[in-house]
Protein backbone atom coordinates (compact mmCIF):
# COMPACT_ATOMS: atom_id res chain seq x y z
CA UNK A 1 128.18 154.20 146.30
CA UNK A 2 129.47 150.77 145.38
CA UNK A 3 126.36 149.19 146.86
CA UNK A 4 124.12 151.39 144.69
CA UNK A 5 126.11 150.37 141.59
CA UNK A 6 125.70 146.68 142.39
CA UNK A 7 121.96 147.17 142.84
CA UNK A 8 121.67 148.98 139.51
CA UNK A 9 123.64 146.22 137.77
CA UNK A 10 121.36 143.56 139.23
CA UNK A 11 118.26 145.50 138.11
CA UNK A 12 119.67 145.87 134.60
CA UNK A 13 120.46 142.15 134.38
CA UNK A 14 116.92 141.29 135.46
CA UNK A 15 115.47 143.71 132.91
CA UNK A 16 117.63 142.25 130.12
CA UNK A 17 116.54 138.68 130.91
CA UNK A 18 112.91 139.81 131.09
CA UNK A 19 113.16 141.43 127.65
CA UNK A 20 114.75 138.27 126.23
CA UNK A 21 111.95 136.09 127.61
CA UNK A 22 109.27 138.44 126.25
CA UNK A 23 110.92 138.75 122.84
CA UNK A 24 111.70 135.03 122.49
CA UNK A 25 109.08 133.12 124.45
CA UNK A 26 109.70 129.43 125.13
CA UNK A 27 106.93 127.54 123.39
CA UNK A 28 105.34 124.57 125.17
CA UNK A 29 103.92 123.35 121.86
CA UNK A 30 105.56 121.16 119.26
CA UNK A 31 106.70 121.97 115.77
CA UNK A 32 107.68 119.39 113.13
CA UNK A 33 108.98 115.94 114.01
CA UNK A 34 109.41 112.94 111.74
CA UNK A 35 105.75 111.89 111.81
CA UNK A 36 104.02 114.93 113.34
CA UNK A 37 103.89 118.24 111.46
CA UNK A 38 102.37 120.50 114.09
CA UNK A 39 102.66 123.76 112.14
CA UNK A 40 99.66 125.24 113.95
CA UNK A 41 101.27 124.39 117.33
CA UNK A 42 98.20 122.64 118.70
CA UNK A 43 99.95 119.74 120.42
CA UNK A 44 101.87 120.32 123.68
CA UNK A 45 105.48 119.11 123.68
CA UNK A 46 104.81 116.65 126.49
CA UNK A 47 102.21 114.87 124.31
CA UNK A 48 104.45 114.52 121.25
CA UNK A 49 106.40 111.47 122.48
CA UNK A 50 103.21 109.68 123.49
CA UNK A 51 101.64 110.32 120.08
CA UNK A 52 104.74 109.15 118.24
CA UNK A 53 104.70 105.90 120.23
CA UNK A 54 101.07 105.34 119.24
CA UNK A 55 101.95 106.06 115.60
CA UNK A 56 104.83 103.56 115.66
CA UNK A 57 102.59 100.89 117.18
CA UNK A 58 99.86 101.45 114.58
CA UNK A 59 102.41 101.47 111.74
CA UNK A 60 103.77 98.14 112.93
CA UNK A 61 100.30 96.58 113.14
CA UNK A 62 98.94 97.97 109.86
CA UNK A 63 102.04 98.20 107.68
CA UNK A 64 100.97 101.77 106.79
CA UNK A 65 102.82 105.08 106.92
CA UNK A 66 101.09 107.55 109.24
CA UNK A 67 101.41 111.34 109.27
CA UNK A 68 99.73 113.86 111.61
CA UNK A 69 99.39 117.44 110.37
CA UNK A 70 98.08 120.71 111.79
CA UNK A 71 98.09 124.03 109.95
CA UNK A 72 96.88 127.61 110.11
CA UNK A 73 97.48 128.22 106.40
CA UNK A 74 96.90 125.85 103.49
CA UNK A 75 98.33 128.35 100.99
CA UNK A 76 95.11 128.60 99.06
CA UNK A 77 94.53 124.87 98.81
CA UNK A 78 91.56 122.91 100.09
CA UNK A 79 91.97 120.76 103.19
CA UNK A 80 91.81 117.67 100.99
CA UNK A 81 94.54 118.91 98.61
CA UNK A 82 96.73 120.04 101.50
CA UNK A 83 96.53 116.66 103.27
CA UNK A 84 97.25 114.82 99.99
CA UNK A 85 100.24 117.01 99.18
CA UNK A 86 101.74 116.68 102.66
CA UNK A 87 101.46 112.90 102.50
CA UNK A 88 103.00 112.72 99.01
CA UNK A 89 105.81 115.04 100.08
CA UNK A 90 106.63 112.86 103.08
CA UNK A 91 106.10 109.31 101.74
CA UNK A 92 105.81 109.56 97.95
CA UNK A 93 102.87 108.83 95.69
CA UNK A 94 100.72 105.70 95.92
CA UNK A 95 102.52 104.26 98.95
CA UNK A 96 100.54 102.53 101.71
CA UNK A 97 99.52 105.01 104.33
CA UNK A 98 97.22 107.61 105.84
CA UNK A 99 97.46 111.29 106.82
CA UNK A 100 95.33 113.04 109.45
CA UNK A 101 94.96 116.83 109.15
CA UNK A 102 93.48 119.42 111.50
CA UNK A 103 93.09 122.58 109.39
CA UNK A 104 92.50 125.58 111.65
CA UNK A 105 92.22 128.00 108.74
CA UNK A 106 89.21 126.23 107.25
CA UNK A 107 88.11 124.68 110.56
CA UNK A 108 88.12 121.20 109.11
CA UNK A 109 89.43 117.75 109.97
CA UNK A 110 90.61 115.79 106.93
CA UNK A 111 91.85 112.25 106.27
CA UNK A 112 93.88 111.29 103.21
CA UNK A 113 94.42 107.61 102.35
CA UNK A 114 96.83 106.05 99.87
CA UNK A 115 97.66 102.58 98.58
CA UNK A 116 96.46 99.78 100.86
CA UNK A 117 94.83 102.26 103.27
CA UNK A 118 92.68 103.54 100.39
CA UNK A 119 91.63 99.96 99.53
CA UNK A 120 90.96 99.04 103.16
CA UNK A 121 89.04 102.09 104.41
CA UNK A 122 85.70 102.79 102.74
CA UNK A 123 83.99 106.18 102.81
CA UNK A 124 81.81 104.95 105.66
CA UNK A 125 84.88 103.79 107.59
CA UNK A 126 86.42 107.26 107.20
CA UNK A 127 83.28 108.88 108.64
CA UNK A 128 83.38 106.56 111.64
CA UNK A 129 87.09 107.24 112.20
CA UNK A 130 86.33 110.97 112.30
CA UNK A 131 83.38 110.29 114.64
CA UNK A 132 85.81 108.62 117.04
CA UNK A 133 87.85 111.79 117.59
CA UNK A 134 85.27 114.47 116.80
CA UNK A 135 84.17 115.36 120.35
CA UNK A 136 87.78 115.75 121.49
CA UNK A 137 88.42 117.93 118.43
CA UNK A 138 85.52 120.26 119.21
CA UNK A 139 86.66 120.51 122.85
CA UNK A 140 90.19 121.45 121.79
CA UNK A 141 91.89 118.19 122.83
CA UNK A 142 93.69 117.83 119.53
CA UNK A 143 96.21 115.22 120.66
CA UNK A 144 93.37 113.01 121.95
CA UNK A 145 91.51 113.48 118.67
CA UNK A 146 94.53 112.24 116.72
CA UNK A 147 95.04 109.29 119.09
CA UNK A 148 91.39 108.19 118.80
CA UNK A 149 91.42 108.37 115.00
CA UNK A 150 94.70 106.43 114.75
CA UNK A 151 93.36 103.69 117.01
CA UNK A 152 90.11 103.37 115.01
CA UNK A 153 91.94 103.18 111.67
CA UNK A 154 94.25 100.53 113.16
CA UNK A 155 91.18 98.57 114.32
CA UNK A 156 89.64 98.58 110.84
CA UNK A 157 92.86 97.23 109.35
CA UNK A 158 93.17 94.44 111.94
CA UNK A 159 89.53 93.33 112.08
CA UNK A 160 88.05 94.38 108.76
CA UNK A 161 85.47 96.32 110.76
CA UNK A 162 83.70 93.22 112.07
CA UNK A 163 82.52 93.42 115.68
CA UNK A 164 81.32 90.25 117.43
CA UNK A 165 77.66 90.72 118.35
CA UNK A 166 76.05 89.50 121.58
CA UNK A 167 74.16 86.80 119.65
CA UNK A 168 77.41 85.54 118.11
CA UNK A 169 79.04 85.42 121.53
CA UNK A 170 76.14 83.40 122.95
CA UNK A 171 76.17 80.97 120.02
CA UNK A 172 79.93 80.53 120.33
CA UNK A 173 79.54 79.81 124.04
CA UNK A 174 76.83 77.20 123.42
CA UNK A 175 78.88 75.48 120.69
CA UNK A 176 81.91 75.39 122.98
CA UNK A 177 79.85 73.92 125.85
CA UNK A 178 78.32 71.20 123.62
CA UNK A 179 81.75 70.30 122.21
CA UNK A 180 83.12 69.99 125.75
CA UNK A 181 80.27 67.73 126.86
CA UNK A 182 80.69 65.44 123.83
CA UNK A 183 84.46 65.16 124.31
CA UNK A 184 84.03 64.52 128.02
CA UNK A 185 81.43 61.82 127.36
CA UNK A 186 83.59 60.02 124.76
CA UNK A 187 86.62 60.00 127.06
CA UNK A 188 84.52 58.82 130.01
CA UNK A 189 82.96 55.92 128.07
CA UNK A 190 86.34 54.91 126.64
CA UNK A 191 88.00 54.67 130.02
CA UNK A 192 84.97 52.97 131.61
CA UNK A 193 85.03 50.18 129.02
CA UNK A 194 88.68 49.31 129.63
CA UNK A 195 87.93 47.16 132.67
CA UNK A 196 85.54 44.80 130.83
CA UNK A 197 86.91 41.40 129.69
CA UNK A 198 83.98 40.30 127.50
CA UNK A 199 84.97 39.55 123.90
CA UNK A 200 82.53 38.79 121.11
CA UNK A 201 83.46 35.63 119.09
CA UNK A 202 83.04 36.80 115.49
CA UNK A 203 84.16 33.39 114.08
CA UNK A 204 81.52 31.46 116.06
CA UNK A 205 78.60 33.85 115.88
CA UNK A 206 79.07 35.66 112.59
CA UNK A 207 77.73 34.21 109.32
CA UNK A 208 77.60 35.73 105.83
CA UNK A 209 76.05 34.17 102.73
CA UNK A 210 75.93 35.92 99.33
CA UNK A 211 73.52 34.27 96.91
CA UNK A 212 72.60 36.95 94.42
CA UNK A 213 73.71 40.50 93.66
CA UNK A 214 71.35 43.01 92.04
CA UNK A 215 71.57 46.77 91.50
CA UNK A 216 68.24 48.62 91.48
CA UNK A 217 68.18 52.26 90.31
CA UNK A 218 65.82 54.05 92.66
CA UNK A 219 65.92 57.77 91.82
CA UNK A 220 68.18 60.68 90.99
CA UNK A 221 68.58 63.69 93.24
CA UNK A 222 70.19 66.98 92.19
CA UNK A 223 70.99 69.70 94.71
CA UNK A 224 71.61 73.25 93.53
CA UNK A 225 73.43 75.74 95.72
CA UNK A 226 73.55 79.41 94.87
CA UNK A 227 77.04 80.84 95.27
CA UNK A 228 76.71 84.33 96.64
CA UNK A 229 78.97 87.01 95.25
CA UNK A 230 81.33 88.68 97.66
CA UNK A 231 79.58 91.69 99.10
CA UNK A 232 81.16 95.10 98.88
CA UNK A 233 82.46 96.60 102.10
CA UNK A 234 81.34 100.04 100.96
CA UNK A 235 82.25 102.63 98.39
CA UNK A 236 85.83 103.88 98.11
CA UNK A 237 85.88 107.35 96.56
CA UNK A 238 89.21 108.41 95.09
CA UNK A 239 90.84 111.42 93.43
CA UNK A 240 94.24 112.47 92.14
CA UNK A 241 96.58 114.80 94.01
CA UNK A 242 98.64 117.54 92.39
CA UNK A 243 101.61 115.15 92.53
CA UNK A 244 99.74 112.51 90.53
CA UNK A 245 99.05 110.18 93.46
CA UNK A 246 95.69 108.45 93.92
CA UNK A 247 94.05 109.24 97.25
CA UNK A 248 90.89 108.47 99.14
CA UNK A 249 89.59 109.81 102.43
CA UNK A 250 87.17 112.44 103.56
CA UNK A 251 86.65 115.26 106.00
CA UNK A 252 84.26 117.32 108.11
CA UNK A 253 83.97 120.84 109.44
CA UNK A 254 84.10 121.67 113.14
């Protein structure tokens, strides 16, 4: 009898724990952290720390605030307005920074720029940043999508978007080789001449006589150089958020 009671108690305990687990499942996806607002729960917990480290590195290199956002509900707002409002809520209006949004309700990826990030990233730059993470986004690797976009935005800030072409690399190599040969030749000649004891007698061999001085005007030459105006790095579209902040950016459906 006692053995049957113990068995029933064990079964009841197991059933209770099973009901608790079913009613309150343990999520393996993140919610909100300081710089990641994963309201749509797209990013696994084990990827959150890695993403935050990449954000901190990019913030240090760019001087920008960075916010990652996912959502299933924009509360009637467009993806653009939602990204702007989240950024303003977190960092205030017209501060230097960028927000990346994955909007699952509207199936759209959106970037919102502010302050120096708005000035630095042109509309074309924004498109290329989205290109960088777009394949991962379509395949459902949302954390990789964010990481790729952060890295590309960081690259634009550090380099101004200038990539060294193959021709430029070849020219730089040739210039470096020529400079080395010239330096080597000068040093070699200098040290080779040290052992010679010949000395030219300027007092004995040099003579100078000035009899007449005359200045003849030959011709006048004028060189004109056109100063090129600084070229634009591309258009920077902007708009105002509901908070009154000025934002740039762009987005794309997926």
